[in-house]
């Protein structure tokens, strides 16, 4: 299977709209989730870049260093994102896969 470099959501939606079957409806639902995850991942990535991977947490009179909670959320969501990309890829008609590049994107 070929990798997809950039997501053209509009083109993907058109492809699934043309399918007019359960796979098409499922594909459209997955695209909505993927769009949400992309926006959330972008926000989390900015938060991690701004605050670092380790943050300070106050514990009464002292503080401790801990992993940035945004990093934990990011790591969990990126796995779900990748799984959703695979699900969408699996639903695409075989002849349309060549029309997309690679889901890897600098925005994330």
Protein backbone atom coordinates (compact mmCIF):
# COMPACT_ATOMS: atom_id res chain seq x y z
CA UNK A 1 0.00 0.00 0.00
CA UNK A 2 1.30 3.45 -0.85
CA UNK A 3 1.68 6.14 1.80
CA UNK A 4 -0.41 9.28 1.61
CA UNK A 5 1.65 12.50 2.07
CA UNK A 6 -0.93 15.21 2.53
CA UNK A 7 -4.57 14.94 3.31
CA UNK A 8 -6.89 16.65 0.91
CA UNK A 9 -10.05 16.37 3.00
CA UNK A 10 -12.24 17.85 0.27
CA UNK A 11 -11.06 15.28 -2.27
CA UNK A 12 -11.45 12.43 0.24
CA UNK A 13 -14.98 13.57 1.07
CA UNK A 14 -15.85 13.69 -2.62
CA UNK A 15 -14.55 10.16 -3.09
CA UNK A 16 -16.67 8.81 -0.22
CA UNK A 17 -19.73 10.84 -1.27
CA UNK A 18 -19.56 9.19 -4.69
CA UNK A 19 -19.59 5.73 -3.11
CA UNK A 20 -23.21 6.05 -1.85
CA UNK A 21 -23.02 2.91 0.27
CA UNK A 22 -22.19 2.02 3.87
CA UNK A 23 -18.46 2.26 3.18
CA UNK A 24 -18.97 5.79 1.92
CA UNK A 25 -20.94 6.80 5.02
CA UNK A 26 -18.34 5.21 7.29
CA UNK A 27 -15.55 6.94 5.39
CA UNK A 28 -17.22 10.33 5.82
CA UNK A 29 -17.68 9.74 9.56
CA UNK A 30 -14.02 8.75 9.91
CA UNK A 31 -12.92 11.86 8.01
CA UNK A 32 -14.83 14.05 10.50
CA UNK A 33 -13.02 12.33 13.36
CA UNK A 34 -9.69 12.68 11.56
CA UNK A 35 -10.25 16.41 11.06
CA UNK A 36 -10.99 16.82 14.77
CA UNK A 37 -7.93 14.81 15.76
CA UNK A 38 -5.73 16.84 13.39
CA UNK A 39 -6.88 20.13 14.96
CA UNK A 40 -6.40 18.74 18.47
CA UNK A 41 -2.97 17.30 17.66
CA UNK A 42 -1.89 20.65 16.25
CA UNK A 43 -2.94 22.42 19.46
CA UNK A 44 -1.25 19.79 21.64
CA UNK A 45 1.93 19.99 19.60
CA UNK A 46 2.04 23.77 20.04
CA UNK A 47 1.49 23.39 23.78
CA UNK A 48 4.33 20.85 23.98
CA UNK A 49 6.61 23.11 21.93
CA UNK A 50 5.78 26.10 24.15
CA UNK A 51 5.97 24.36 27.54
CA UNK A 52 8.44 21.53 26.84
CA UNK A 53 8.07 17.82 27.45
CA UNK A 54 8.67 18.22 31.19
CA UNK A 55 6.66 20.65 33.30
CA UNK A 56 6.82 21.70 36.93
CA UNK A 57 3.93 20.76 39.21
CA UNK A 58 3.43 22.35 42.62
CA UNK A 59 3.03 19.93 45.51
CA UNK A 60 2.31 22.14 48.51
CA UNK A 61 5.62 23.66 49.64
CA UNK A 62 7.68 22.02 46.92
CA UNK A 63 7.37 21.24 43.24
CA UNK A 64 8.22 18.26 41.10
CA UNK A 65 9.02 17.80 37.45
CA UNK A 66 6.65 15.61 35.50
CA UNK A 67 5.89 14.72 31.92
CA UNK A 68 3.80 17.39 30.25
CA UNK A 69 0.17 16.11 30.30
CA UNK A 70 -0.19 17.40 26.72
CA UNK A 71 2.58 14.99 25.66
CA UNK A 72 0.69 12.03 27.11
CA UNK A 73 -2.48 13.13 25.34
CA UNK A 74 -0.58 13.73 22.08
CA UNK A 75 1.04 10.29 22.16
CA UNK A 76 -2.29 8.61 22.78
CA UNK A 77 -4.14 10.57 20.10
CA UNK A 78 -1.46 10.16 17.43
CA UNK A 79 -1.94 6.40 17.65
CA UNK A 80 -5.68 6.83 17.16
CA UNK A 81 -5.00 9.23 14.29
CA UNK A 82 -2.77 6.71 12.56
CA UNK A 83 -5.34 3.97 13.08
CA UNK A 84 -8.07 6.16 11.59
CA UNK A 85 -5.87 6.97 8.58
CA UNK A 86 -5.41 3.24 8.01
CA UNK A 87 -9.15 2.63 8.29
CA UNK A 88 -9.85 5.37 5.74
CA UNK A 89 -7.14 4.01 3.45
CA UNK A 90 -8.67 0.52 3.68
CA UNK A 91 -12.11 1.88 2.71
CA UNK A 92 -10.85 3.75 -0.35
CA UNK A 93 -11.47 2.14 -3.72
CA UNK A 94 -8.18 0.64 -4.91
CA UNK A 95 -8.08 2.84 -8.02
CA UNK A 96 -8.32 6.07 -5.97
CA UNK A 97 -5.40 5.40 -3.61
CA UNK A 98 -2.93 6.70 -6.19
CA UNK A 99 -4.69 10.10 -6.13
CA UNK A 100 -3.47 10.82 -2.59
CA UNK A 101 0.09 11.35 -1.40
CA UNK A 102 1.03 10.70 2.24
CA UNK A 103 -0.79 11.55 5.46
CA UNK A 104 2.49 12.78 6.96
CA UNK A 105 2.23 16.56 7.34
CA UNK A 106 4.41 19.24 8.90
CA UNK A 107 1.34 20.77 10.59
CA UNK A 108 1.34 17.96 13.17
